[in-house]
Amino acid sequence: MRPASPWPTRSSTRPRTGASSTSGRAPCSRRTSSRPSAPRRLSPAEKDALAVFLEDPLPASPKIAPVDPREPGHYPLHVRFSDVDVYGHVNNVKYFEYFRESRIPMMERLGRSLPEAGFHVVVAQTDVDYKVPILFRLEPYDVHSRITHVGTKSFTIESEIRDGETLLSRARVVLVCFDSETQRSIEPPAAYREAMLAVVKA
């Protein structure tokens, strides 16, 4: 006879389904997920404790007036497919690019008959009103821009994007004349200021 092995041997038989376990472990139970409870309201004491962190509300932006559609300030806006977000309309950040693209050719036309400026302009403030979502299409939208105010060192351009008679968006941009060498604001040359004032008064 073959001597018994001192090492434990693996049984060749498997317990049948439903058989009780001999390991002493309790049968596994399926864990049930509990739904999160609804958020509770702050107590008066908690509101008083958080009151020191409250900030004053931001001032409302001044209303942007309608822009008189004129040919010198017209720009055909073509929406790029990459401008559209997952919601199916143009992303709100792209509006800033649209208004920048529309005012560049207007300023170029304004300065064609003037000597070289020798200065740059930087954006000081931009306000955008979103009215109706802009959708992707092959036909261009209409952008109308106009200089509405000229200051000592700055000027304001107001623009609007339209689809026929439907207003899609309005913007007001304040630009400051800037000397890139001194990194300071400057007054524009007299010829440029007079040309901008003529547009405002027209």
N, C-alpha and C. Protein backbone atom coordinates (compact mmCIF):
# COMPACT_ATOMS: atom_id res chain seq x y z
N MET A 1 0.84 -1.20 0.00
CA MET A 1 0.00 0.00 0.00
C MET A 1 0.86 1.24 0.00
N ARG A 2 0.36 2.28 -0.69
CA ARG A 2 1.09 3.55 -0.76
C ARG A 2 0.88 4.29 0.56
N PRO A 3 1.95 4.78 1.21
CA PRO A 3 1.79 5.49 2.48
C PRO A 3 1.01 6.79 2.29
N ALA A 4 0.28 7.14 3.34
CA ALA A 4 -0.53 8.36 3.26
C ALA A 4 0.37 9.58 3.23
N SER A 5 0.01 10.56 2.40
CA SER A 5 0.80 11.77 2.27
C SER A 5 0.58 12.66 3.49
N PRO A 6 1.67 13.25 4.03
CA PRO A 6 1.49 14.15 5.18
C PRO A 6 0.88 15.49 4.80
N TRP A 7 0.82 15.84 3.48
CA TRP A 7 0.28 17.10 3.00
C TRP A 7 -1.19 16.97 2.64
N PRO A 8 -1.94 18.00 2.88
CA PRO A 8 -3.37 17.91 2.54
C PRO A 8 -3.56 17.84 1.04
N THR A 9 -4.50 17.10 0.62
CA THR A 9 -4.80 16.92 -0.81
C THR A 9 -6.05 17.69 -1.17
N ARG A 10 -6.11 18.20 -2.45
CA ARG A 10 -7.27 18.92 -2.95
C ARG A 10 -8.34 17.93 -3.34
N SER A 11 -9.51 18.14 -2.86
CA SER A 11 -10.60 17.24 -3.18
C SER A 11 -10.98 17.39 -4.63
N SER A 12 -11.28 16.29 -5.28
CA SER A 12 -11.66 16.31 -6.69
C SER A 12 -13.14 16.55 -6.88
N THR A 13 -13.87 16.60 -5.79
CA THR A 13 -15.32 16.83 -5.90
C THR A 13 -15.64 18.24 -5.48
N ARG A 14 -16.55 18.87 -6.19
CA ARG A 14 -16.98 20.22 -5.89
C ARG A 14 -18.35 20.18 -5.25
N PRO A 15 -18.60 21.06 -4.30
CA PRO A 15 -19.93 21.06 -3.68
C PRO A 15 -20.97 21.47 -4.70
N ARG A 16 -22.10 20.83 -4.57
CA ARG A 16 -23.20 21.14 -5.48
C ARG A 16 -23.77 22.51 -5.18
N THR A 17 -24.38 23.09 -6.21
CA THR A 17 -24.99 24.40 -6.04
C THR A 17 -26.07 24.33 -4.98
N GLY A 18 -26.01 25.24 -4.06
CA GLY A 18 -27.01 25.25 -2.99
C GLY A 18 -26.56 24.50 -1.77
N ALA A 19 -25.44 23.78 -1.85
CA ALA A 19 -24.97 23.04 -0.69
C ALA A 19 -24.43 23.99 0.34
N SER A 20 -24.51 23.64 1.59
CA SER A 20 -24.03 24.49 2.66
C SER A 20 -22.53 24.49 2.68
N SER A 21 -21.97 25.61 3.02
CA SER A 21 -20.52 25.73 3.07
C SER A 21 -20.00 25.18 4.38
N THR A 22 -18.86 24.52 4.31
CA THR A 22 -18.25 23.94 5.50
C THR A 22 -17.19 24.84 6.07
N SER A 23 -16.99 26.06 5.45
CA SER A 23 -15.94 26.95 5.94
C SER A 23 -16.40 27.77 7.12
N GLY A 24 -17.66 27.77 7.40
CA GLY A 24 -18.15 28.54 8.52
C GLY A 24 -18.52 29.96 8.16
N ARG A 25 -18.31 30.37 6.91
CA ARG A 25 -18.64 31.72 6.49
C ARG A 25 -20.14 31.87 6.27
N ALA A 26 -20.61 33.02 6.59
CA ALA A 26 -22.03 33.30 6.37
C ALA A 26 -22.27 33.51 4.89
N PRO A 27 -23.38 33.16 4.36
CA PRO A 27 -23.67 33.39 2.93
C PRO A 27 -23.64 34.87 2.61
N CYS A 28 -23.11 35.21 1.40
CA CYS A 28 -22.97 36.61 0.98
C CYS A 28 -24.34 37.21 0.74
N SER A 29 -24.51 38.42 1.17
CA SER A 29 -25.76 39.13 0.94
C SER A 29 -25.49 40.31 0.01
N ARG A 30 -26.38 40.60 -0.90
CA ARG A 30 -26.22 41.69 -1.85
C ARG A 30 -26.43 43.03 -1.15
N ARG A 31 -25.45 43.93 -1.38
CA ARG A 31 -25.51 45.23 -0.73
C ARG A 31 -26.51 46.13 -1.47
N THR A 32 -27.32 46.78 -0.76
CA THR A 32 -28.30 47.70 -1.34
C THR A 32 -27.80 49.12 -1.20
N SER A 33 -27.88 49.90 -2.30
CA SER A 33 -27.42 51.28 -2.30
C SER A 33 -28.54 52.18 -1.80
N SER A 34 -28.21 53.03 -0.87
CA SER A 34 -29.20 53.95 -0.32
C SER A 34 -29.12 55.27 -1.07
N ARG A 35 -30.26 55.87 -1.36
CA ARG A 35 -30.29 57.14 -2.06
C ARG A 35 -29.86 58.26 -1.12
N PRO A 36 -29.12 59.24 -1.69
CA PRO A 36 -28.69 60.35 -0.82
C PRO A 36 -29.89 61.16 -0.35
N SER A 37 -29.81 61.60 0.86
CA SER A 37 -30.91 62.37 1.42
C SER A 37 -30.93 63.77 0.81
N ALA A 38 -32.08 64.38 0.80
CA ALA A 38 -32.23 65.73 0.24
C ALA A 38 -31.45 66.73 1.08
N PRO A 39 -30.85 67.76 0.44
CA PRO A 39 -30.09 68.75 1.22
C PRO A 39 -31.01 69.51 2.17
N ARG A 40 -30.50 69.77 3.35
CA ARG A 40 -31.30 70.48 4.33
C ARG A 40 -31.05 71.98 4.22
N ARG A 41 -31.95 72.76 4.77
CA ARG A 41 -31.82 74.21 4.78
C ARG A 41 -30.91 74.65 5.93
N LEU A 42 -30.25 75.78 5.71
CA LEU A 42 -29.39 76.31 6.75
C LEU A 42 -30.23 76.82 7.92
N SER A 43 -29.71 76.63 9.07
CA SER A 43 -30.37 77.14 10.27
C SER A 43 -30.07 78.62 10.40
N PRO A 44 -30.87 79.35 11.18
CA PRO A 44 -30.57 80.78 11.39
C PRO A 44 -29.18 81.02 11.94
N ALA A 45 -28.72 80.15 12.83
CA ALA A 45 -27.37 80.32 13.38
C ALA A 45 -26.31 80.15 12.30
N GLU A 46 -26.51 79.20 11.40
CA GLU A 46 -25.55 78.97 10.32
C GLU A 46 -25.56 80.15 9.34
N LYS A 47 -26.72 80.70 9.07
CA LYS A 47 -26.79 81.86 8.19
C LYS A 47 -26.05 83.06 8.78
N ASP A 48 -26.21 83.24 10.09
CA ASP A 48 -25.51 84.35 10.75
C ASP A 48 -23.99 84.15 10.69
N ALA A 49 -23.55 82.91 10.82
CA ALA A 49 -22.11 82.63 10.79
C ALA A 49 -21.52 82.85 9.41
N LEU A 50 -22.31 82.60 8.36
CA LEU A 50 -21.82 82.75 6.99
C LEU A 50 -22.03 84.15 6.43
N ALA A 51 -22.75 84.99 7.15
CA ALA A 51 -23.07 86.33 6.64
C ALA A 51 -21.83 87.17 6.41
N VAL A 52 -20.77 86.92 7.15
CA VAL A 52 -19.55 87.73 7.01
C VAL A 52 -18.88 87.49 5.66
N PHE A 53 -19.22 86.40 4.99
CA PHE A 53 -18.59 86.07 3.70
C PHE A 53 -19.39 86.60 2.52
N LEU A 54 -20.55 87.21 2.77
CA LEU A 54 -21.35 87.74 1.67
C LEU A 54 -20.66 88.93 1.03
N GLU A 55 -20.78 89.03 -0.29
CA GLU A 55 -20.21 90.14 -1.04
C GLU A 55 -21.33 90.97 -1.67
N ASP A 56 -21.03 92.22 -1.92
CA ASP A 56 -22.00 93.09 -2.58
C ASP A 56 -22.25 92.60 -4.00
N PRO A 57 -23.47 92.67 -4.49
CA PRO A 57 -23.74 92.23 -5.87
C PRO A 57 -23.02 93.10 -6.88
N LEU A 58 -22.63 92.48 -7.99
CA LEU A 58 -21.96 93.23 -9.04
C LEU A 58 -22.90 94.24 -9.68
N PRO A 59 -22.41 95.41 -10.05
CA PRO A 59 -23.28 96.39 -10.71
C PRO A 59 -23.73 95.88 -12.07
N ALA A 60 -24.95 96.19 -12.42
CA ALA A 60 -25.48 95.77 -13.71
C ALA A 60 -24.79 96.52 -14.84
N SER A 61 -24.52 95.81 -15.93
CA SER A 61 -23.89 96.44 -17.08
C SER A 61 -24.89 97.38 -17.76
N PRO A 62 -24.43 98.52 -18.23
CA PRO A 62 -25.35 99.43 -18.93
C PRO A 62 -25.90 98.78 -20.19
N LYS A 63 -27.13 99.11 -20.50
CA LYS A 63 -27.79 98.52 -21.65
C LYS A 63 -27.11 98.96 -22.94
N ILE A 64 -26.92 98.00 -23.84
CA ILE A 64 -26.28 98.27 -25.13
C ILE A 64 -27.35 98.68 -26.13
N ALA A 65 -27.19 99.84 -26.71
CA ALA A 65 -28.19 100.37 -27.64
C ALA A 65 -28.11 99.66 -28.98
N PRO A 66 -29.21 99.65 -29.74
CA PRO A 66 -29.16 99.07 -31.10
C PRO A 66 -28.16 99.79 -31.98
N VAL A 67 -27.58 99.06 -32.91
CA VAL A 67 -26.57 99.60 -33.81
C VAL A 67 -27.21 99.91 -35.14
N ASP A 68 -26.96 101.10 -35.64
CA ASP A 68 -27.48 101.50 -36.94
C ASP A 68 -26.73 100.73 -38.03
N PRO A 69 -27.41 99.88 -38.79
CA PRO A 69 -26.72 99.09 -39.82
C PRO A 69 -26.27 99.96 -40.99
N ARG A 70 -24.97 100.08 -41.14
CA ARG A 70 -24.40 100.85 -42.24
C ARG A 70 -23.31 100.03 -42.90
N GLU A 71 -23.10 100.27 -44.17
CA GLU A 71 -22.18 99.47 -44.95
C GLU A 71 -20.74 99.51 -44.43
N PRO A 72 -20.20 100.65 -44.03
CA PRO A 72 -18.80 100.64 -43.56
C PRO A 72 -18.57 99.74 -42.36
N GLY A 73 -19.61 99.50 -41.56
CA GLY A 73 -19.43 98.67 -40.39
C GLY A 73 -19.98 97.26 -40.54
N HIS A 74 -20.31 96.86 -41.76
CA HIS A 74 -20.89 95.52 -41.98
C HIS A 74 -19.80 94.48 -42.16
N TYR A 75 -20.05 93.30 -41.57
CA TYR A 75 -19.09 92.19 -41.68
C TYR A 75 -19.87 90.89 -41.81
N PRO A 76 -19.63 90.10 -42.88
CA PRO A 76 -20.32 88.80 -43.01
C PRO A 76 -19.64 87.76 -42.11
N LEU A 77 -20.38 87.23 -41.17
CA LEU A 77 -19.82 86.29 -40.20
C LEU A 77 -20.10 84.86 -40.63
N HIS A 78 -19.03 84.10 -40.86
CA HIS A 78 -19.14 82.69 -41.19
C HIS A 78 -18.82 81.86 -39.95
N VAL A 79 -19.76 81.04 -39.53
CA VAL A 79 -19.56 80.19 -38.36
C VAL A 79 -18.76 78.96 -38.76
N ARG A 80 -17.70 78.70 -38.03
CA ARG A 80 -16.89 77.52 -38.25
C ARG A 80 -17.48 76.33 -37.48
N PHE A 81 -17.30 75.14 -38.04
CA PHE A 81 -17.83 73.95 -37.36
C PHE A 81 -17.22 73.77 -35.98
N SER A 82 -15.96 74.17 -35.84
CA SER A 82 -15.27 74.03 -34.55
C SER A 82 -15.79 75.02 -33.51
N ASP A 83 -16.60 76.00 -33.92
CA ASP A 83 -17.17 76.96 -32.98
C ASP A 83 -18.35 76.39 -32.21
N VAL A 84 -18.90 75.29 -32.68
CA VAL A 84 -20.12 74.72 -32.10
C VAL A 84 -19.75 73.77 -30.97
N ASP A 85 -20.46 73.87 -29.85
CA ASP A 85 -20.17 73.00 -28.71
C ASP A 85 -21.12 71.81 -28.68
N VAL A 86 -21.09 71.04 -27.60
CA VAL A 86 -21.87 69.82 -27.52
C VAL A 86 -23.37 70.09 -27.46
N TYR A 87 -23.76 71.32 -27.19
CA TYR A 87 -25.18 71.65 -27.14
C TYR A 87 -25.75 71.98 -28.51
N GLY A 88 -24.91 72.01 -29.53
CA GLY A 88 -25.39 72.24 -30.88
C GLY A 88 -25.42 73.68 -31.32
N HIS A 89 -24.94 74.60 -30.47
CA HIS A 89 -24.89 76.01 -30.88
C HIS A 89 -23.50 76.55 -30.60
N VAL A 90 -23.25 77.78 -31.04
CA VAL A 90 -21.93 78.39 -30.91
C VAL A 90 -21.61 78.62 -29.43
N ASN A 91 -20.41 78.23 -29.03
CA ASN A 91 -19.98 78.43 -27.65
C ASN A 91 -19.91 79.91 -27.33
N ASN A 92 -20.27 80.28 -26.10
CA ASN A 92 -20.35 81.69 -25.74
C ASN A 92 -19.00 82.40 -25.84
N VAL A 93 -17.89 81.67 -25.67
CA VAL A 93 -16.57 82.30 -25.75
C VAL A 93 -16.28 82.77 -27.17
N LYS A 94 -16.83 82.08 -28.16
CA LYS A 94 -16.56 82.42 -29.56
C LYS A 94 -17.15 83.78 -29.95
N TYR A 95 -18.13 84.26 -29.22
CA TYR A 95 -18.73 85.56 -29.53
C TYR A 95 -17.69 86.67 -29.45
N PHE A 96 -16.77 86.56 -28.49
CA PHE A 96 -15.73 87.57 -28.36
C PHE A 96 -14.85 87.59 -29.62
N GLU A 97 -14.56 86.42 -30.17
CA GLU A 97 -13.78 86.36 -31.41
C GLU A 97 -14.57 86.96 -32.57
N TYR A 98 -15.85 86.70 -32.63
CA TYR A 98 -16.66 87.24 -33.72
C TYR A 98 -16.65 88.77 -33.71
N PHE A 99 -16.84 89.35 -32.55
CA PHE A 99 -16.87 90.81 -32.47
C PHE A 99 -15.49 91.40 -32.76
N ARG A 100 -14.44 90.70 -32.39
CA ARG A 100 -13.08 91.18 -32.72
C ARG A 100 -12.86 91.11 -34.23
N GLU A 101 -13.27 90.00 -34.85
CA GLU A 101 -13.10 89.85 -36.29
C GLU A 101 -13.87 90.92 -37.04
N SER A 102 -15.01 91.33 -36.52
CA SER A 102 -15.85 92.30 -37.24
C SER A 102 -15.31 93.72 -37.13
N ARG A 103 -14.66 94.07 -36.02
CA ARG A 103 -14.20 95.46 -35.87
C ARG A 103 -12.85 95.71 -36.53
N ILE A 104 -12.07 94.66 -36.79
CA ILE A 104 -10.76 94.85 -37.42
C ILE A 104 -10.90 95.44 -38.82
N PRO A 105 -11.71 94.86 -39.73
CA PRO A 105 -11.83 95.47 -41.06
C PRO A 105 -12.46 96.85 -41.02
N MET A 106 -13.34 97.12 -40.05
CA MET A 106 -13.93 98.45 -39.95
C MET A 106 -12.86 99.48 -39.62
N MET A 107 -11.95 99.16 -38.70
CA MET A 107 -10.88 100.09 -38.34
C MET A 107 -9.87 100.23 -39.48
N GLU A 108 -9.66 99.15 -40.23
CA GLU A 108 -8.76 99.23 -41.37
C GLU A 108 -9.31 100.18 -42.43
N ARG A 109 -10.61 100.10 -42.70
CA ARG A 109 -11.22 101.00 -43.68
C ARG A 109 -11.16 102.44 -43.20
N LEU A 110 -11.30 102.63 -41.89
CA LEU A 110 -11.26 103.98 -41.34
C LEU A 110 -9.88 104.61 -41.51
N GLY A 111 -8.82 103.81 -41.42
CA GLY A 111 -7.47 104.36 -41.47
C GLY A 111 -6.80 104.30 -42.82
N ARG A 112 -7.51 103.90 -43.87
CA ARG A 112 -6.87 103.79 -45.18
C ARG A 112 -6.38 105.13 -45.70
N SER A 113 -7.13 106.17 -45.47
CA SER A 113 -6.77 107.49 -46.01
C SER A 113 -5.95 108.31 -45.02
N LEU A 114 -5.56 107.70 -43.90
CA LEU A 114 -4.81 108.42 -42.88
C LEU A 114 -3.36 107.95 -42.84
N PRO A 115 -2.45 108.80 -42.36
CA PRO A 115 -1.05 108.37 -42.25
C PRO A 115 -0.92 107.23 -41.24
N GLU A 116 0.23 106.57 -41.28
CA GLU A 116 0.45 105.44 -40.39
C GLU A 116 0.30 105.88 -38.94
N ALA A 117 -0.43 105.08 -38.18
CA ALA A 117 -0.82 105.51 -36.84
C ALA A 117 0.36 105.57 -35.88
N GLY A 118 1.15 104.52 -35.81
CA GLY A 118 2.26 104.48 -34.87
C GLY A 118 1.84 104.16 -33.45
N PHE A 119 0.64 103.60 -33.28
CA PHE A 119 0.18 103.19 -31.96
C PHE A 119 -0.69 101.95 -32.11
N HIS A 120 -0.96 101.29 -31.00
CA HIS A 120 -1.81 100.11 -30.99
C HIS A 120 -3.03 100.39 -30.13
N VAL A 121 -3.97 99.47 -30.17
CA VAL A 121 -5.14 99.55 -29.29
C VAL A 121 -5.25 98.25 -28.51
N VAL A 122 -5.65 98.36 -27.25
CA VAL A 122 -5.87 97.19 -26.41
C VAL A 122 -7.29 97.25 -25.87
N VAL A 123 -7.83 96.08 -25.55
CA VAL A 123 -9.19 95.99 -25.05
C VAL A 123 -9.19 96.27 -23.55
N ALA A 124 -10.01 97.22 -23.12
CA ALA A 124 -10.14 97.54 -21.70
C ALA A 124 -11.37 96.90 -21.08
N GLN A 125 -12.43 96.76 -21.86
CA GLN A 125 -13.66 96.17 -21.32
C GLN A 125 -14.51 95.65 -22.47
N THR A 126 -15.17 94.51 -22.23
CA THR A 126 -16.08 93.93 -23.21
C THR A 126 -17.35 93.48 -22.50
N ASP A 127 -18.49 93.94 -22.99
CA ASP A 127 -19.80 93.51 -22.49
C ASP A 127 -20.54 92.85 -23.64
N VAL A 128 -21.07 91.66 -23.40
CA VAL A 128 -21.79 90.92 -24.42
C VAL A 128 -23.16 90.53 -23.89
N ASP A 129 -24.19 90.80 -24.67
CA ASP A 129 -25.55 90.35 -24.37
C ASP A 129 -25.88 89.21 -25.33
N TYR A 130 -26.26 88.06 -24.75
CA TYR A 130 -26.64 86.90 -25.55
C TYR A 130 -28.16 86.87 -25.65
N LYS A 131 -28.67 86.95 -26.87
CA LYS A 131 -30.11 87.03 -27.09
C LYS A 131 -30.68 85.71 -27.59
N VAL A 132 -30.15 85.23 -28.73
CA VAL A 132 -30.62 83.99 -29.35
C VAL A 132 -29.39 83.17 -29.74
N PRO A 133 -29.40 81.85 -29.50
CA PRO A 133 -28.23 81.04 -29.86
C PRO A 133 -27.91 81.13 -31.35
N ILE A 134 -26.63 81.14 -31.66
CA ILE A 134 -26.16 81.12 -33.04
C ILE A 134 -25.87 79.68 -33.42
N LEU A 135 -26.41 79.25 -34.54
CA LEU A 135 -26.26 77.86 -34.98
C LEU A 135 -25.31 77.79 -36.18
N PHE A 136 -24.77 76.62 -36.39
CA PHE A 136 -23.89 76.41 -37.54
C PHE A 136 -24.72 76.34 -38.82
N ARG A 137 -24.23 77.03 -39.85
CA ARG A 137 -24.84 76.98 -41.16
C ARG A 137 -23.83 77.51 -42.17
N LEU A 138 -24.09 77.28 -43.45
CA LEU A 138 -23.18 77.72 -44.49
C LEU A 138 -23.35 79.20 -44.80
N GLU A 139 -24.58 79.73 -44.68
CA GLU A 139 -24.82 81.13 -44.99
C GLU A 139 -24.28 82.00 -43.86
N PRO A 140 -23.68 83.14 -44.20
CA PRO A 140 -23.13 84.01 -43.15
C PRO A 140 -24.23 84.77 -42.42
N TYR A 141 -23.91 85.13 -41.19
CA TYR A 141 -24.74 86.06 -40.41
C TYR A 141 -24.22 87.48 -40.65
N ASP A 142 -25.01 88.47 -40.28
CA ASP A 142 -24.63 89.87 -40.45
C ASP A 142 -24.17 90.46 -39.12
N VAL A 143 -23.00 91.09 -39.14
CA VAL A 143 -22.50 91.81 -37.99
C VAL A 143 -22.37 93.28 -38.38
N HIS A 144 -22.97 94.15 -37.58
CA HIS A 144 -22.88 95.59 -37.81
C HIS A 144 -22.16 96.22 -36.62
N SER A 145 -21.14 97.01 -36.90
CA SER A 145 -20.36 97.67 -35.85
C SER A 145 -20.32 99.17 -36.11
N ARG A 146 -20.18 99.91 -35.03
CA ARG A 146 -20.16 101.36 -35.15
C ARG A 146 -19.43 101.97 -33.96
N ILE A 147 -18.62 102.99 -34.20
CA ILE A 147 -17.98 103.75 -33.13
C ILE A 147 -19.03 104.68 -32.52
N THR A 148 -19.25 104.54 -31.22
CA THR A 148 -20.31 105.31 -30.57
C THR A 148 -19.78 106.36 -29.61
N HIS A 149 -18.52 106.28 -29.24
CA HIS A 149 -17.97 107.26 -28.30
C HIS A 149 -16.47 107.36 -28.50
N VAL A 150 -15.95 108.58 -28.42
CA VAL A 150 -14.50 108.83 -28.54
C VAL A 150 -14.08 109.66 -27.34
N GLY A 151 -13.18 109.13 -26.53
CA GLY A 151 -12.66 109.87 -25.40
C GLY A 151 -11.28 110.44 -25.69
N THR A 152 -10.58 110.79 -24.63
CA THR A 152 -9.25 111.36 -24.81
C THR A 152 -8.25 110.32 -25.27
N LYS A 153 -8.31 109.12 -24.64
CA LYS A 153 -7.37 108.05 -24.98
C LYS A 153 -8.09 106.75 -25.35
N SER A 154 -9.37 106.76 -25.31
CA SER A 154 -10.11 105.53 -25.59
C SER A 154 -11.29 105.82 -26.52
N PHE A 155 -11.86 104.77 -27.05
CA PHE A 155 -13.07 104.89 -27.86
C PHE A 155 -13.88 103.61 -27.70
N THR A 156 -15.16 103.69 -28.01
CA THR A 156 -16.09 102.58 -27.81
C THR A 156 -16.68 102.15 -29.13
N ILE A 157 -16.74 100.83 -29.33
CA ILE A 157 -17.37 100.25 -30.50
C ILE A 157 -18.51 99.35 -30.03
N GLU A 158 -19.68 99.58 -30.59
CA GLU A 158 -20.83 98.73 -30.29
C GLU A 158 -21.19 97.94 -31.54
N SER A 159 -21.51 96.67 -31.33
CA SER A 159 -21.77 95.76 -32.46
C SER A 159 -22.98 94.90 -32.15
N GLU A 160 -23.56 94.34 -33.19
CA GLU A 160 -24.63 93.37 -33.02
C GLU A 160 -24.60 92.36 -34.15
N ILE A 161 -24.98 91.14 -33.82
CA ILE A 161 -25.05 90.05 -34.78
C ILE A 161 -26.52 89.78 -35.06
N ARG A 162 -26.87 89.74 -36.33
CA ARG A 162 -28.26 89.54 -36.71
C ARG A 162 -28.40 88.43 -37.75
N ASP A 163 -29.56 87.81 -37.72
CA ASP A 163 -29.99 86.89 -38.76
C ASP A 163 -31.25 87.48 -39.37
N GLY A 164 -31.07 88.31 -40.38
CA GLY A 164 -32.20 89.05 -40.92
C GLY A 164 -32.69 90.07 -39.90
N GLU A 165 -33.94 89.95 -39.48
CA GLU A 165 -34.50 90.85 -38.48
C GLU A 165 -34.32 90.34 -37.05
N THR A 166 -33.78 89.15 -36.91
CA THR A 166 -33.63 88.56 -35.58
C THR A 166 -32.30 88.97 -34.96
N LEU A 167 -32.36 89.59 -33.80
CA LEU A 167 -31.15 89.98 -33.08
C LEU A 167 -30.62 88.77 -32.32
N LEU A 168 -29.35 88.45 -32.53
CA LEU A 168 -28.73 87.29 -31.88
C LEU A 168 -27.85 87.70 -30.70
N SER A 169 -27.12 88.80 -30.85
CA SER A 169 -26.22 89.23 -29.78
C SER A 169 -25.81 90.68 -29.99
N ARG A 170 -25.51 91.35 -28.87
CA ARG A 170 -24.98 92.71 -28.90
C ARG A 170 -23.73 92.77 -28.04
N ALA A 171 -22.82 93.69 -28.39
CA ALA A 171 -21.58 93.83 -27.63
C ALA A 171 -21.15 95.29 -27.58
N ARG A 172 -20.48 95.63 -26.49
CA ARG A 172 -19.85 96.94 -26.34
C ARG A 172 -18.40 96.70 -25.94
N VAL A 173 -17.47 97.27 -26.70
CA VAL A 173 -16.04 97.08 -26.45
C VAL A 173 -15.39 98.45 -26.28
N VAL A 174 -14.68 98.63 -25.19
CA VAL A 174 -13.91 99.84 -24.94
C VAL A 174 -12.45 99.55 -25.25
N LEU A 175 -11.89 100.32 -26.18
CA LEU A 175 -10.51 100.13 -26.60
C LEU A 175 -9.69 101.36 -26.20
N VAL A 176 -8.45 101.12 -25.81
CA VAL A 176 -7.56 102.18 -25.35
C VAL A 176 -6.37 102.26 -26.28
N CYS A 177 -6.01 103.46 -26.69
CA CYS A 177 -4.81 103.66 -27.50
C CYS A 177 -3.59 103.42 -26.62
N PHE A 178 -2.63 102.68 -27.17
CA PHE A 178 -1.57 102.13 -26.33
C PHE A 178 -0.22 102.25 -27.03
N ASP A 179 0.80 102.66 -26.27
CA ASP A 179 2.17 102.73 -26.76
C ASP A 179 2.90 101.49 -26.28
N SER A 180 3.26 100.60 -27.20
CA SER A 180 3.89 99.33 -26.82
C SER A 180 5.29 99.52 -26.26
N GLU A 181 5.96 100.63 -26.56
CA GLU A 181 7.31 100.85 -26.03
C GLU A 181 7.27 101.30 -24.57
N THR A 182 6.40 102.24 -24.27
CA THR A 182 6.30 102.73 -22.90
C THR A 182 5.32 101.94 -22.05
N GLN A 183 4.51 101.09 -22.73
CA GLN A 183 3.49 100.29 -22.03
C GLN A 183 2.49 101.18 -21.28
N ARG A 184 2.12 102.29 -21.90
CA ARG A 184 1.18 103.22 -21.28
C ARG A 184 0.15 103.66 -22.31
N SER A 185 -0.99 104.09 -21.82
CA SER A 185 -2.02 104.62 -22.71
C SER A 185 -1.61 105.99 -23.23
N ILE A 186 -2.02 106.30 -24.45
CA ILE A 186 -1.66 107.56 -25.08
C ILE A 186 -2.86 108.13 -25.82
N GLU A 187 -2.78 109.38 -26.18
CA GLU A 187 -3.80 109.98 -27.02
C GLU A 187 -3.53 109.63 -28.48
N PRO A 188 -4.56 109.31 -29.25
CA PRO A 188 -4.34 109.00 -30.66
C PRO A 188 -3.97 110.26 -31.42
N PRO A 189 -3.33 110.11 -32.59
CA PRO A 189 -3.05 111.29 -33.41
C PRO A 189 -4.34 112.04 -33.74
N ALA A 190 -4.21 113.32 -33.92
CA ALA A 190 -5.38 114.17 -34.14
C ALA A 190 -6.19 113.72 -35.35
N ALA A 191 -5.51 113.28 -36.40
CA ALA A 191 -6.23 112.86 -37.61
C ALA A 191 -7.13 111.66 -37.33
N TYR A 192 -6.64 110.73 -36.53
CA TYR A 192 -7.45 109.54 -36.21
C TYR A 192 -8.62 109.91 -35.31
N ARG A 193 -8.37 110.76 -34.37
CA ARG A 193 -9.45 111.15 -33.46
C ARG A 193 -10.55 111.90 -34.22
N GLU A 194 -10.16 112.76 -35.14
CA GLU A 194 -11.14 113.49 -35.94
C GLU A 194 -11.93 112.54 -36.83
N ALA A 195 -11.23 111.52 -37.39
CA ALA A 195 -11.93 110.56 -38.25
C ALA A 195 -12.95 109.75 -37.43
N MET A 196 -12.61 109.37 -36.21
CA MET A 196 -13.54 108.62 -35.38
C MET A 196 -14.70 109.50 -34.94
N LEU A 197 -14.42 110.75 -34.61
CA LEU A 197 -15.49 111.67 -34.23
C LEU A 197 -16.45 111.92 -35.38
N ALA A 198 -15.93 111.93 -36.59
CA ALA A 198 -16.80 112.12 -37.75
C ALA A 198 -17.77 110.95 -37.91
N VAL A 199 -17.30 109.74 -37.56
CA VAL A 199 -18.18 108.56 -37.62
C VAL A 199 -19.26 108.66 -36.56
N VAL A 200 -18.89 109.12 -35.37
CA VAL A 200 -19.87 109.22 -34.28
C VAL A 200 -20.95 110.23 -34.62
N LYS A 201 -20.56 111.34 -35.22
CA LYS A 201 -21.49 112.42 -35.50
C LYS A 201 -22.31 112.17 -36.77
N ALA A 202 -21.89 111.21 -37.59
CA ALA A 202 -22.59 110.96 -38.86
C ALA A 202 -24.00 110.39 -38.64
